[in-house]
């Protein structure tokens, strides 16, 4: 309870004007806590050092020390932190959410397993995680000029605070508006704290970049690069494509939001951007499609080949795909050249949108908005799947499917018959319901 009261005190104190600490080491000494940060850094500190510097601090000494010892428990530390912060406010010192956020983040950097309160420490860390976004949000409530300098008035502060350092946060105004990207960075920082082994990886893929576009271009470039197709060249090409096409920038955000809303296995935005190959394959396709439309056919087809090799997803760059797309699991998905996929569509693994015949014509399916296509479904020919329709897993569809209906089987037939098919009342791509129709379709019993 003492720790919870300390955390609450930090949040309350964050609403005032700020006291700036010269560094996390000095901050600890200000409130009577043993320093847990080394000034020069060491080999063990290096990965975490990168992640710590990504939070906007200009101090090169903001690194977590793996070699220093700390005998005080997390609970006693948090109590002194809260007491020191509130004392500063009562004495008329300037304090702010910026300084409070640094206090909380320093507390979060407490090594797990130290002391005798391992379980309680972990529980408190999980609680404090919710406070960091709030403090950072208050910290960005400035004039919106794009770069905010949080420099306290040192005239009323003791001489023990080094006036040569002030906490500087530089965030472009455009990034302040991109809440999705800010949330992704917060998640990456927290993951770097919890798993120091991933700190360098998270820094290079997310925390070192100023926008989602840059981060995604870097990640895709490294995924798709090869010994003959250099990742550095791909990074620049992908980033330029993102900057040229506003529709791609919008779609990449709608796609990741779709995954969050529809996939129960969703953990975080950062995890989705780094590890969901369906999401990555879809964004890489968008780059290839942009190149195809520019007449850069050879490069677009090279992209298609690498996407297929790396993600096991084969989408022709000439195919047209909307936004809000979720390719769940994604392995084995094939989309032909003249296929079209609408908005808000969910497609599972092993789905084929294939053509029929050898004539170069419009020979692939057209998928409407809000459609759900189950795992292993095959849709062949220039047919139309109406808006809000559902295709059951393993079905083979050879004819048009009316809007808001369910087609299942091999060959597929409409639920309740062609003359009066059952109409769906909800959007199947959002509900992700694959099995409720079975009661009205078959008397199959195991």
Foldseek 3Di string as FASTA:
>chain_A
DLLVVLLVLLLVLQAFFQDFFQAQCRLCVLLPFHGQFDQPDDPLFVLQLLLQVLQQFPRSRHTGDPPDDGQDDLSVSSNSNSVSSVVCVVLVFGRHLVRSLSSLVSSLLPDAPHDDPNVVSVVSNVVSLVVNVVSVLRVPPDPLPQWDFRQTDCPSPDPSGDNVGGRTHGAGSVVNVVVQLVQLSSVLSSVCSVPVVCRNVSSVQRSVDRDPLLSLLLLLLVLLADPVRHSVVSSVLSSVLCVVDVQLVVQLVLQLVLCVLAPPPDDGSNCCSRPVLQSSLVSLLQSLLSCVVVVVPVVSVSSQVSSCVRSQAHERSQEAEHGNEAEASRHQEHHDNLEYAYHLEYEYYNEYQEFDDDDPDNGTDYEYALEYEAANEYEYTHEYEEALEYEAHNEYEDYHHYHQWYWYDDPTATQPGDVDGDGHPDRCSSNVDRPPSDVRRDPDDD
